C-alpha atoms as a PDB file:
ATOM      1  CA  MET A   1     148.690 136.499  55.795  1.00  0.00           C
ATOM      2  CA  LYS A   2     150.938 135.168  53.093  1.00  0.00           C
ATOM      3  CA  ALA A   3     149.644 134.452  49.631  1.00  0.00           C
ATOM      4  CA  PHE A   4     150.424 131.909  47.113  1.00  0.00           C
ATOM      5  CA  PRO A   5     149.526 131.140  43.150  1.00  0.00           C
ATOM      6  CA  VAL A   6     148.138 127.701  42.516  1.00  0.00           C
ATOM      7  CA  GLY A   7     151.379 126.489  41.059  1.00  0.00           C
ATOM      8  CA  GLU A   8     153.576 127.429  44.088  1.00  0.00           C
ATOM      9  CA  LEU A   9     150.837 125.980  46.445  1.00  0.00           C
ATOM     10  CA  LYS A  10     151.551 122.609  44.694  1.00  0.00           C
ATOM     11  CA  THR A  11     155.284 122.294  44.728  1.00  0.00           C
ATOM     12  CA  LYS A  12     155.124 123.897  48.645  1.00  0.00           C
ATOM     13  CA  PHE A  13     151.907 122.207  50.047  1.00  0.00           C
ATOM     14  CA  SER A  14     153.947 120.498  52.729  1.00  0.00           C
ATOM     15  CA  ASN A  15     155.404 123.880  54.202  1.00  0.00           C
ATOM     16  CA  ILE A  16     152.166 125.734  53.612  1.00  0.00           C
ATOM     17  CA  LEU A  17     150.448 122.993  55.800  1.00  0.00           C
ATOM     18  CA  GLU A  18     152.962 123.758  58.551  1.00  0.00           C
ATOM     19  CA  LEU A  19     152.199 127.693  58.361  1.00  0.00           C
ATOM     20  CA  VAL A  20     148.482 126.843  58.846  1.00  0.00           C
ATOM     21  CA  GLN A  21     149.143 124.622  61.504  1.00  0.00           C
ATOM     22  CA  ASN A  22     151.229 127.191  63.410  1.00  0.00           C
ATOM     23  CA  GLY A  23     148.181 129.397  62.955  1.00  0.00           C
ATOM     24  CA  GLU A  24     148.813 131.324  59.726  1.00  0.00           C
ATOM     25  CA  GLU A  25     145.919 132.282  57.088  1.00  0.00           C
ATOM     26  CA  VAL A  26     147.064 131.656  53.707  1.00  0.00           C
ATOM     27  CA  GLU A  27     145.427 132.866  50.453  1.00  0.00           C
ATOM     28  CA  ILE A  28     145.285 130.894  47.128  1.00  0.00           C
ATOM     29  CA  LEU A  29     145.963 133.186  44.079  1.00  0.00           C
ATOM     30  CA  TYR A  30     144.820 132.060  40.815  1.00  0.00           C
ATOM     31  CA  GLY A  31     144.869 132.990  37.222  1.00  0.00           C
ATOM     32  CA  LYS A  32     146.863 135.705  35.253  1.00  0.00           C
ATOM     33  CA  ASN A  33     145.958 138.581  37.526  1.00  0.00           C
ATOM     34  CA  LYS A  34     146.736 136.292  40.523  1.00  0.00           C
ATOM     35  CA  LYS A  35     143.304 137.342  42.191  1.00  0.00           C
ATOM     36  CA  PRO A  36     142.823 135.597  45.696  1.00  0.00           C
ATOM     37  CA  VAL A  37     140.103 132.727  45.156  1.00  0.00           C
ATOM     38  CA  ALA A  38     140.416 130.823  48.513  1.00  0.00           C
ATOM     39  CA  LYS A  39     141.712 130.868  51.724  1.00  0.00           C
ATOM     40  CA  ILE A  40     143.278 127.901  53.935  1.00  0.00           C
ATOM     41  CA  VAL A  41     142.600 128.465  57.481  1.00  0.00           C
ATOM     42  CA  PRO A  42     143.432 126.602  60.665  1.00  0.00           C
ATOM     43  CA  LEU A  43     140.766 123.910  61.876  1.00  0.00           C
ATOM     44  CA  TYR A  44     141.630 125.308  65.694  1.00  0.00           C
ATOM     45  CA  THR A  45     142.983 128.052  66.682  1.00  0.00           C
ATOM     46  CA  LYS A  46     145.341 128.501  69.641  1.00  0.00           C
ATOM     47  CA  LYS A  47     143.772 130.284  72.467  1.00  0.00           C
ATOM     48  CA  SER A  48     145.281 132.553  74.800  1.00  0.00           C
ATOM     49  CA  GLY A  49     144.554 132.213  78.601  1.00  0.00           C
ATOM     50  CA  LYS A  50     143.009 135.467  78.641  1.00  0.00           C
ATOM     51  CA  ARG A  51     139.712 136.774  77.705  1.00  0.00           C
ATOM     52  CA  ASN A  52     138.226 139.869  76.801  1.00  0.00           C
ATOM     53  CA  LEU A  53     135.269 140.839  79.464  1.00  0.00           C
ATOM     54  CA  GLY A  54     133.794 143.415  76.825  1.00  0.00           C
ATOM     55  CA  ILE A  55     131.864 146.347  78.763  1.00  0.00           C
ATOM     56  CA  LEU A  56     133.117 144.913  81.918  1.00  0.00           C
ATOM     57  CA  LYS A  57     136.907 145.733  81.155  1.00  0.00           C
ATOM     58  CA  GLY A  58     138.705 147.202  83.758  1.00  0.00           C
ATOM     59  CA  LYS A  59     135.764 147.055  86.144  1.00  0.00           C
ATOM     60  CA  SER A  60     136.089 143.384  87.115  1.00  0.00           C
ATOM     61  CA  LYS A  61     138.366 140.657  87.290  1.00  0.00           C
ATOM     62  CA  ILE A  62     137.646 136.652  86.719  1.00  0.00           C
ATOM     63  CA  THR A  63     139.718 133.563  87.440  1.00  0.00           C
ATOM     64  CA  PHE A  64     139.488 130.144  87.542  1.00  0.00           C
ATOM     65  CA  ALA A  65     141.087 127.864  89.996  1.00  0.00           C
ATOM     66  CA  LYS A  66     143.913 125.678  88.368  1.00  0.00           C
ATOM     67  CA  ASN A  67     142.266 122.676  89.730  1.00  0.00           C
ATOM     68  CA  PHE A  68     138.808 123.899  87.753  1.00  0.00           C
ATOM     69  CA  LYS A  69     138.015 120.911  85.662  1.00  0.00           C
ATOM     70  CA  MET A  70     134.626 119.616  83.582  1.00  0.00           C
ATOM     71  CA  THR A  71     133.322 116.487  84.147  1.00  0.00           C
ATOM     72  CA  GLU A  72     133.216 113.595  81.317  1.00  0.00           C
ATOM     73  CA  ASP A  73     129.437 114.320  80.780  1.00  0.00           C
ATOM     74  CA  GLU A  74     129.756 118.056  80.803  1.00  0.00           C
ATOM     75  CA  LEU A  75     132.513 117.491  77.574  1.00  0.00           C
ATOM     76  CA  LEU A  76     130.175 115.300  76.158  1.00  0.00           C
ATOM     77  CA  ASN A  77     127.409 117.754  76.353  1.00  0.00           C
ATOM     78  CA  LEU A  78     129.347 120.151  74.555  1.00  0.00           C
ATOM     79  CA  LYS A  79     129.626 118.155  71.320  1.00  0.00           C
END
């Protein structure tokens, strides 16, 4: 995780937003002691294709067909 003081954040804001868009978290430092006061995190995280099965790890395997899709109604019900 990268950290930037407020002054540097102001001057490099566009560059910092690019970091956040690429999945990086950024801390904002404030004051003479440059203490962390806030964090900018991506709104959406990129998910890898694999999920951890928890206690079933190594005991089971789950796969989805490539043509597995949700209907429009199912997608609307998620929101």
